[in-house]
C-alpha atoms as a PDB file:
ATOM      1  CA  MET A   1      78.862 -12.282 -67.193  1.00  0.00           C
ATOM      2  CA  LYS A   2      80.132 -15.248 -69.183  1.00  0.00           C
ATOM      3  CA  LYS A   3      83.700 -14.671 -70.396  1.00  0.00           C
ATOM      4  CA  TYR A   4      84.210 -17.676 -72.665  1.00  0.00           C
ATOM      5  CA  SER A   5      82.008 -19.062 -75.453  1.00  0.00           C
ATOM      6  CA  LEU A   6      80.843 -22.609 -76.127  1.00  0.00           C
ATOM      7  CA  PHE A   7      83.830 -23.192 -78.409  1.00  0.00           C
ATOM      8  CA  HIS A   8      86.649 -22.198 -76.046  1.00  0.00           C
ATOM      9  CA  PRO A   9      86.636 -25.447 -74.005  1.00  0.00           C
ATOM     10  CA  TYR A  10      87.616 -27.507 -77.070  1.00  0.00           C
ATOM     11  CA  VAL A  11      91.177 -26.295 -76.486  1.00  0.00           C
ATOM     12  CA  MET A  12      91.188 -24.527 -73.113  1.00  0.00           C
ATOM     13  CA  SER A  13      89.673 -27.435 -71.163  1.00  0.00           C
ATOM     14  CA  PHE A  14      93.076 -29.118 -71.432  1.00  0.00           C
ATOM     15  CA  PHE A  15      94.901 -26.458 -69.423  1.00  0.00           C
ATOM     16  CA  SER A  16      93.026 -23.235 -68.532  1.00  0.00           C
ATOM     17  CA  LYS A  17      92.165 -22.478 -64.904  1.00  0.00           C
ATOM     18  CA  ASP A  18      90.417 -19.273 -66.042  1.00  0.00           C
ATOM     19  CA  LEU A  19      88.012 -21.286 -68.183  1.00  0.00           C
ATOM     20  CA  TYR A  20      87.030 -23.549 -65.295  1.00  0.00           C
ATOM     21  CA  GLN A  21      86.501 -20.532 -63.032  1.00  0.00           C
ATOM     22  CA  ASP A  22      84.276 -18.911 -65.645  1.00  0.00           C
ATOM     23  CA  VAL A  23      82.285 -22.121 -66.137  1.00  0.00           C
ATOM     24  CA  GLY A  24      81.764 -22.575 -62.403  1.00  0.00           C
ATOM     25  CA  LYS A  25      80.670 -18.987 -61.811  1.00  0.00           C
ATOM     26  CA  ASN A  26      78.842 -17.899 -64.966  1.00  0.00           C
ATOM     27  CA  TRP A  27      77.805 -20.684 -67.323  1.00  0.00           C
ATOM     28  CA  GLY A  28      74.623 -21.915 -65.672  1.00  0.00           C
ATOM     29  CA  GLY A  29      72.511 -24.352 -67.710  1.00  0.00           C
ATOM     30  CA  ILE A  30      74.443 -23.564 -70.886  1.00  0.00           C
ATOM     31  CA  ALA A  31      76.906 -26.316 -69.933  1.00  0.00           C
ATOM     32  CA  ALA A  32      74.326 -28.933 -70.976  1.00  0.00           C
ATOM     33  CA  LEU A  33      73.963 -27.227 -74.372  1.00  0.00           C
ATOM     34  CA  TYR A  34      77.741 -27.199 -74.698  1.00  0.00           C
ATOM     35  CA  LEU A  35      77.881 -30.936 -73.936  1.00  0.00           C
ATOM     36  CA  LEU A  36      75.223 -31.702 -76.561  1.00  0.00           C
ATOM     37  CA  LEU A  37      77.112 -29.647 -79.168  1.00  0.00           C
ATOM     38  CA  LEU A  38      80.410 -31.335 -78.286  1.00  0.00           C
ATOM     39  CA  ILE A  39      78.913 -34.802 -78.638  1.00  0.00           C
ATOM     40  CA  ALA A  40      77.176 -33.924 -81.915  1.00  0.00           C
ATOM     41  CA  ILE A  41      80.479 -32.713 -83.365  1.00  0.00           C
ATOM     42  CA  SER A  42      82.495 -35.621 -81.954  1.00  0.00           C
ATOM     43  CA  TRP A  43      80.278 -38.190 -83.717  1.00  0.00           C
ATOM     44  CA  ILE A  44      80.683 -36.611 -87.178  1.00  0.00           C
ATOM     45  CA  PRO A  45      84.153 -38.075 -88.001  1.00  0.00           C
ATOM     46  CA  ASN A  46      83.114 -41.552 -86.905  1.00  0.00           C
ATOM     47  CA  MET A  47      79.855 -41.336 -88.869  1.00  0.00           C
ATOM     48  CA  PHE A  48      81.928 -40.755 -92.012  1.00  0.00           C
ATOM     49  CA  LEU A  49      84.036 -43.771 -91.054  1.00  0.00           C
ATOM     50  CA  ILE A  50      80.955 -45.931 -90.364  1.00  0.00           C
ATOM     51  CA  LYS A  51      79.352 -44.882 -93.653  1.00  0.00           C
ATOM     52  CA  SER A  52      82.584 -45.512 -95.559  1.00  0.00           C
ATOM     53  CA  ASN A  53      82.838 -49.023 -94.115  1.00  0.00           C
ATOM     54  CA  PHE A  54      79.164 -49.659 -94.857  1.00  0.00           C
ATOM     55  CA  ASP A  55      79.587 -48.425 -98.436  1.00  0.00           C
ATOM     56  CA  SER A  56      82.561 -50.752 -98.828  1.00  0.00           C
ATOM     57  CA  PHE A  57      80.495 -53.653 -97.505  1.00  0.00           C
ATOM     58  CA  THR A  58      77.548 -52.959 -99.829  1.00  0.00           C
ATOM     59  CA  ARG A  59      79.911 -52.625-102.791  1.00  0.00           C
ATOM     60  CA  GLU A  60      82.171 -55.643-102.194  1.00  0.00           C
ATOM     61  CA  GLN A  61      80.616 -58.219 -99.850  1.00  0.00           C
ATOM     62  CA  ALA A  62      76.879 -57.568 -99.909  1.00  0.00           C
ATOM     63  CA  PRO A  63      76.349 -58.524-103.592  1.00  0.00           C
ATOM     64  CA  ILE A  64      77.877 -61.961-102.922  1.00  0.00           C
ATOM     65  CA  ILE A  65      75.606 -62.482 -99.927  1.00  0.00           C
ATOM     66  CA  ILE A  66      72.523 -61.090-101.696  1.00  0.00           C
ATOM     67  CA  ASP A  67      73.122 -63.416-104.622  1.00  0.00           C
ATOM     68  CA  GLN A  68      72.603 -66.321-102.200  1.00  0.00           C
ATOM     69  CA  VAL A  69      69.255 -65.022-100.920  1.00  0.00           C
ATOM     70  CA  PRO A  70      66.319 -67.188-102.046  1.00  0.00           C
ATOM     71  CA  THR A  71      62.826 -65.901-102.740  1.00  0.00           C
ATOM     72  CA  ILE A  72      61.108 -65.889 -99.346  1.00  0.00           C
ATOM     73  CA  LYS A  73      57.356 -65.961 -98.836  1.00  0.00           C
ATOM     74  CA  ILE A  74      55.508 -65.448 -95.574  1.00  0.00           C
ATOM     75  CA  ASN A  75      51.865 -66.451 -95.614  1.00  0.00           C
ATOM     76  CA  ASP A  76      49.687 -66.603 -92.474  1.00  0.00           C
ATOM     77  CA  GLY A  77      52.764 -66.591 -90.248  1.00  0.00           C
ATOM     78  CA  MET A  78      54.488 -69.408 -92.124  1.00  0.00           C
ATOM     79  CA  LEU A  79      57.668 -69.027 -94.167  1.00  0.00           C
ATOM     80  CA  SER A  80      58.665 -70.868 -97.325  1.00  0.00           C
ATOM     81  CA  ILE A  81      61.493 -70.478 -99.869  1.00  0.00           C
ATOM     82  CA  ASP A  82      62.107 -71.523-103.464  1.00  0.00           C
ATOM     83  CA  LYS A  83      65.196 -73.623-102.598  1.00  0.00           C
ATOM     84  CA  PRO A  84      65.750 -77.091-101.098  1.00  0.00           C
ATOM     85  CA  VAL A  85      66.010 -76.949 -97.304  1.00  0.00           C
ATOM     86  CA  PRO A  86      68.000 -76.734 -95.111  1.00  0.00           C
ATOM     87  CA  TYR A  87      69.429 -73.838 -97.141  1.00  0.00           C
ATOM     88  CA  THR A  88      72.672 -72.141 -96.063  1.00  0.00           C
ATOM     89  CA  ILE A  89      73.874 -68.603 -96.737  1.00  0.00           C
ATOM     90  CA  LYS A  90      77.646 -68.297 -96.270  1.00  0.00           C
ATOM     91  CA  ASP A  91      80.103 -65.531 -95.429  1.00  0.00           C
ATOM     92  CA  PRO A  92      81.892 -64.623 -98.697  1.00  0.00           C
ATOM     93  CA  ASP A  93      85.230 -64.192 -96.925  1.00  0.00           C
ATOM     94  CA  THR A  94      85.369 -67.197 -94.603  1.00  0.00           C
ATOM     95  CA  GLY A  95      82.876 -69.558 -96.214  1.00  0.00           C
ATOM     96  CA  LYS A  96      81.283 -70.127 -92.796  1.00  0.00           C
ATOM     97  CA  PRO A  97      77.465 -70.251 -92.503  1.00  0.00           C
ATOM     98  CA  ILE A  98      75.905 -66.965 -91.413  1.00  0.00           C
ATOM     99  CA  MET A  99      72.294 -68.062 -91.879  1.00  0.00           C
ATOM    100  CA  ILE A 100      70.447 -71.343 -92.214  1.00  0.00           C
ATOM    101  CA  ILE A 101      66.880 -71.421 -93.491  1.00  0.00           C
ATOM    102  CA  ASP A 102      65.148 -74.675 -92.589  1.00  0.00           C
ATOM    103  CA  THR A 103      61.403 -75.172 -92.932  1.00  0.00           C
ATOM    104  CA  SER A 104      61.692 -78.966 -92.739  1.00  0.00           C
ATOM    105  CA  GLY A 105      62.052 -79.147 -88.971  1.00  0.00           C
ATOM    106  CA  GLN A 106      65.525 -80.700 -89.102  1.00  0.00           C
ATOM    107  CA  TYR A 107      66.935 -77.719 -87.202  1.00  0.00           C
ATOM    108  CA  ALA A 108      64.419 -76.551 -84.631  1.00  0.00           C
ATOM    109  CA  ASP A 109      66.943 -75.006 -82.240  1.00  0.00           C
ATOM    110  CA  ILE A 110      69.802 -72.627 -83.049  1.00  0.00           C
ATOM    111  CA  GLU A 111      71.992 -74.387 -80.459  1.00  0.00           C
ATOM    112  CA  GLN A 112      72.061 -77.364 -82.805  1.00  0.00           C
ATOM    113  CA  VAL A 113      73.905 -75.424 -85.500  1.00  0.00           C
ATOM    114  CA  LYS A 114      75.453 -72.430 -83.642  1.00  0.00           C
ATOM    115  CA  VAL A 115      75.044 -70.049 -86.595  1.00  0.00           C
ATOM    116  CA  PRO A 116      74.304 -66.321 -86.171  1.00  0.00           C
ATOM    117  CA  ILE A 117      70.804 -66.696 -87.672  1.00  0.00           C
ATOM    118  CA  LEU A 118      68.461 -69.668 -87.963  1.00  0.00           C
ATOM    119  CA  VAL A 119      65.168 -69.209 -89.819  1.00  0.00           C
ATOM    120  CA  THR A 120      62.507 -71.883 -89.402  1.00  0.00           C
ATOM    121  CA  GLN A 121      58.984 -72.124 -90.750  1.00  0.00           C
ATOM    122  CA  ASP A 122      57.506 -69.882 -88.051  1.00  0.00           C
ATOM    123  CA  LYS A 123      60.353 -67.960 -86.410  1.00  0.00           C
ATOM    124  CA  VAL A 124      63.808 -66.394 -86.576  1.00  0.00           C
ATOM    125  CA  MET A 125      66.457 -67.130 -83.956  1.00  0.00           C
ATOM    126  CA  THR A 126      69.678 -65.171 -83.498  1.00  0.00           C
ATOM    127  CA  TYR A 127      72.757 -66.276 -81.573  1.00  0.00           C
ATOM    128  CA  GLN A 128      75.489 -64.031 -80.136  1.00  0.00           C
ATOM    129  CA  PRO A 129      78.329 -66.248 -78.877  1.00  0.00           C
ATOM    130  CA  LYS A 130      80.187 -63.432 -77.089  1.00  0.00           C
ATOM    131  CA  LYS A 131      77.146 -62.759 -74.915  1.00  0.00           C
ATOM    132  CA  ASN A 132      75.919 -66.365 -75.077  1.00  0.00           C
ATOM    133  CA  GLU A 133      72.571 -64.823 -75.954  1.00  0.00           C
ATOM    134  CA  ILE A 134      69.749 -66.305 -78.034  1.00  0.00           C
ATOM    135  CA  ARG A 135      66.773 -64.282 -79.216  1.00  0.00           C
ATOM    136  CA  THR A 136      63.636 -65.526 -80.935  1.00  0.00           C
ATOM    137  CA  TYR A 137      61.188 -63.615 -83.148  1.00  0.00           C
ATOM    138  CA  THR A 138      58.038 -65.253 -84.523  1.00  0.00           C
ATOM    139  CA  PHE A 139      56.219 -64.550 -87.789  1.00  0.00           C
ATOM    140  CA  GLU A 140      52.872 -64.611 -85.990  1.00  0.00           C
ATOM    141  CA  ASN A 141      52.072 -60.925 -86.562  1.00  0.00           C
ATOM    142  CA  VAL A 142      54.080 -60.467 -89.759  1.00  0.00           C
ATOM    143  CA  PRO A 143      51.882 -59.538 -92.748  1.00  0.00           C
ATOM    144  CA  ASN A 144      51.912 -61.711 -95.846  1.00  0.00           C
ATOM    145  CA  MET A 145      54.830 -60.771 -98.077  1.00  0.00           C
ATOM    146  CA  THR A 146      57.382 -61.911-100.621  1.00  0.00           C
ATOM    147  CA  ILE A 147      61.069 -60.981-100.352  1.00  0.00           C
ATOM    148  CA  ASN A 148      63.627 -61.516-103.104  1.00  0.00           C
ATOM    149  CA  LYS A 149      67.165 -60.427-103.945  1.00  0.00           C
ATOM    150  CA  ASP A 150      66.048 -57.121-105.428  1.00  0.00           C
ATOM    151  CA  ASP A 151      64.165 -56.229-102.240  1.00  0.00           C
ATOM    152  CA  VAL A 152      67.211 -56.918-100.067  1.00  0.00           C
ATOM    153  CA  SER A 153      69.434 -54.876-102.381  1.00  0.00           C
ATOM    154  CA  SER A 154      66.960 -51.979-102.284  1.00  0.00           C
ATOM    155  CA  VAL A 155      66.881 -52.017 -98.477  1.00  0.00           C
ATOM    156  CA  LEU A 156      70.684 -51.866 -98.290  1.00  0.00           C
ATOM    157  CA  THR A 157      70.763 -48.921-100.696  1.00  0.00           C
ATOM    158  CA  LYS A 158      68.229 -47.009 -98.607  1.00  0.00           C
ATOM    159  CA  ALA A 159      70.068 -47.943 -95.411  1.00  0.00           C
ATOM    160  CA  LYS A 160      72.908 -45.616 -96.416  1.00  0.00           C
ATOM    161  CA  TRP A 161      70.587 -42.674 -95.822  1.00  0.00           C
ATOM    162  CA  TRP A 162      68.883 -44.191 -92.786  1.00  0.00           C
ATOM    163  CA  MET A 163      72.309 -44.327 -91.200  1.00  0.00           C
ATOM    164  CA  LEU A 164      72.655 -40.560 -91.441  1.00  0.00           C
ATOM    165  CA  LEU A 165      69.047 -39.687 -90.638  1.00  0.00           C
ATOM    166  CA  VAL A 166      68.388 -42.221 -87.869  1.00  0.00           C
ATOM    167  CA  VAL A 167      71.613 -43.697 -86.503  1.00  0.00           C
ATOM    168  CA  TYR A 168      73.423 -40.368 -86.050  1.00  0.00           C
ATOM    169  CA  PRO A 169      70.699 -38.712 -83.896  1.00  0.00           C
ATOM    170  CA  PHE A 170      70.326 -41.946 -81.918  1.00  0.00           C
ATOM    171  CA  LEU A 171      74.067 -42.114 -81.169  1.00  0.00           C
ATOM    172  CA  VAL A 172      74.180 -38.431 -80.211  1.00  0.00           C
ATOM    173  CA  LEU A 173      71.173 -38.755 -77.885  1.00  0.00           C
ATOM    174  CA  THR A 174      72.337 -41.935 -76.135  1.00  0.00           C
ATOM    175  CA  THR A 175      75.879 -40.584 -75.704  1.00  0.00           C
ATOM    176  CA  PHE A 176      74.475 -37.302 -74.359  1.00  0.00           C
ATOM    177  CA  LEU A 177      72.389 -39.164 -71.769  1.00  0.00           C
ATOM    178  CA  TYR A 178      75.424 -41.243 -70.792  1.00  0.00           C
ATOM    179  CA  ARG A 179      77.573 -38.137 -70.359  1.00  0.00           C
ATOM    180  CA  ILE A 180      74.849 -36.359 -68.346  1.00  0.00           C
ATOM    181  CA  ILE A 181      74.726 -39.307 -65.944  1.00  0.00           C
ATOM    182  CA  GLN A 182      78.509 -39.255 -65.824  1.00  0.00           C
ATOM    183  CA  GLY A 183      78.384 -35.530 -65.037  1.00  0.00           C
ATOM    184  CA  LEU A 184      75.928 -36.151 -62.193  1.00  0.00           C
ATOM    185  CA  ILE A 185      78.188 -38.812 -60.695  1.00  0.00           C
ATOM    186  CA  TYR A 186      81.353 -36.748 -61.094  1.00  0.00           C
ATOM    187  CA  GLY A 187      79.551 -33.692 -59.733  1.00  0.00           C
ATOM    188  CA  ALA A 188      78.541 -35.650 -56.651  1.00  0.00           C
ATOM    189  CA  LEU A 189      82.126 -36.877 -56.197  1.00  0.00           C
ATOM    190  CA  GLY A 190      83.294 -33.288 -56.567  1.00  0.00           C
ATOM    191  CA  MET A 191      81.030 -32.237 -53.701  1.00  0.00           C
ATOM    192  CA  ILE A 192      82.892 -34.655 -51.427  1.00  0.00           C
ATOM    193  CA  PHE A 193      86.096 -32.698 -52.044  1.00  0.00           C
ATOM    194  CA  VAL A 194      84.184 -29.440 -51.608  1.00  0.00           C
ATOM    195  CA  LYS A 195      83.105 -30.537 -48.115  1.00  0.00           C
ATOM    196  CA  ILE A 196      86.573 -31.820 -47.230  1.00  0.00           C
ATOM    197  CA  LEU A 197      88.302 -28.614 -48.364  1.00  0.00           C
ATOM    198  CA  GLY A 198      85.580 -26.306 -47.009  1.00  0.00           C
ATOM    199  CA  LEU A 199      84.971 -24.616 -50.364  1.00  0.00           C
ATOM    200  CA  ASN A 200      81.927 -22.591 -51.387  1.00  0.00           C
ATOM    201  CA  LEU A 201      80.614 -24.526 -54.403  1.00  0.00           C
ATOM    202  CA  THR A 202      77.122 -25.761 -55.285  1.00  0.00           C
ATOM    203  CA  PHE A 203      76.278 -29.133 -56.818  1.00  0.00           C
ATOM    204  CA  GLN A 204      75.226 -27.415 -60.068  1.00  0.00           C
ATOM    205  CA  GLN A 205      78.622 -25.725 -60.291  1.00  0.00           C
ATOM    206  CA  SER A 206      80.418 -28.985 -59.551  1.00  0.00           C
ATOM    207  CA  MET A 207      78.449 -30.737 -62.297  1.00  0.00           C
ATOM    208  CA  ARG A 208      79.255 -27.971 -64.822  1.00  0.00           C
ATOM    209  CA  LEU A 209      82.943 -28.316 -64.013  1.00  0.00           C
ATOM    210  CA  ALA A 210      82.688 -32.094 -64.448  1.00  0.00           C
ATOM    211  CA  ILE A 211      81.123 -31.645 -67.906  1.00  0.00           C
ATOM    212  CA  ILE A 212      83.994 -29.430 -69.023  1.00  0.00           C
ATOM    213  CA  ALA A 213      86.541 -31.757 -67.405  1.00  0.00           C
ATOM    214  CA  VAL A 214      85.451 -34.704 -69.597  1.00  0.00           C
ATOM    215  CA  THR A 215      85.983 -32.639 -72.769  1.00  0.00           C
ATOM    216  CA  PRO A 216      89.632 -33.750 -73.266  1.00  0.00           C
ATOM    217  CA  ALA A 217      88.602 -37.389 -72.833  1.00  0.00           C
ATOM    218  CA  ILE A 218      85.821 -37.033 -75.441  1.00  0.00           C
ATOM    219  CA  ILE A 219      88.100 -35.274 -77.934  1.00  0.00           C
ATOM    220  CA  LEU A 220      90.941 -37.782 -77.515  1.00  0.00           C
ATOM    221  CA  ALA A 221      88.530 -40.741 -77.705  1.00  0.00           C
ATOM    222  CA  THR A 222      87.105 -39.345 -80.955  1.00  0.00           C
ATOM    223  CA  ILE A 223      90.597 -39.061 -82.466  1.00  0.00           C
ATOM    224  CA  PHE A 224      91.674 -42.538 -81.310  1.00  0.00           C
ATOM    225  CA  ASP A 225      88.421 -44.139 -82.518  1.00  0.00           C
ATOM    226  CA  PHE A 226      88.721 -42.517 -85.931  1.00  0.00           C
ATOM    227  CA  PHE A 227      92.310 -43.629 -86.501  1.00  0.00           C
END
């Protein structure tokens, strides 16, 4: 019979041999539920931090950027704007270009300008210098539309709630999958020591112990990330 609850490892995983014995003998598949709960809780402080930073951005920097956004029209896969081109949108802090919109054909390749975003008449190109990665998205299947400053501002306002409703579950799920894979690897490594020491332990038990053993690392990482 299980001696300790799902909440005991938050503290006892740092030091308690009794906890690890109970987990190995009695926890069964509940260790996966524990891991999911731990990850869900560990992301809450950082979600507040992410949202706070995003709110600060939308309040202080975003209005300056949005004020530079021209009226954009996409018709039959072709883009046009109500400003002379090439048109540059700049970072309000550094004054460096963050986007160039050019429907004239002067800039056909993002490597010419090395800005994060280049918008041409029929496509968008993004450049990530750290990864040296360029991605291209065409307007071929984009429906006809008009985008102005008010539309961009509205999207940013709604994004505050998307962050909580979409980003949080996504982060929890992807982290959970990562930790499950980690548990499988650590469990397999644990079985090597089981064979060497001649102990009576199954792979499932080894994996459960590995899940509890990463608890201190998850808790400390959450604290360090937040501060």
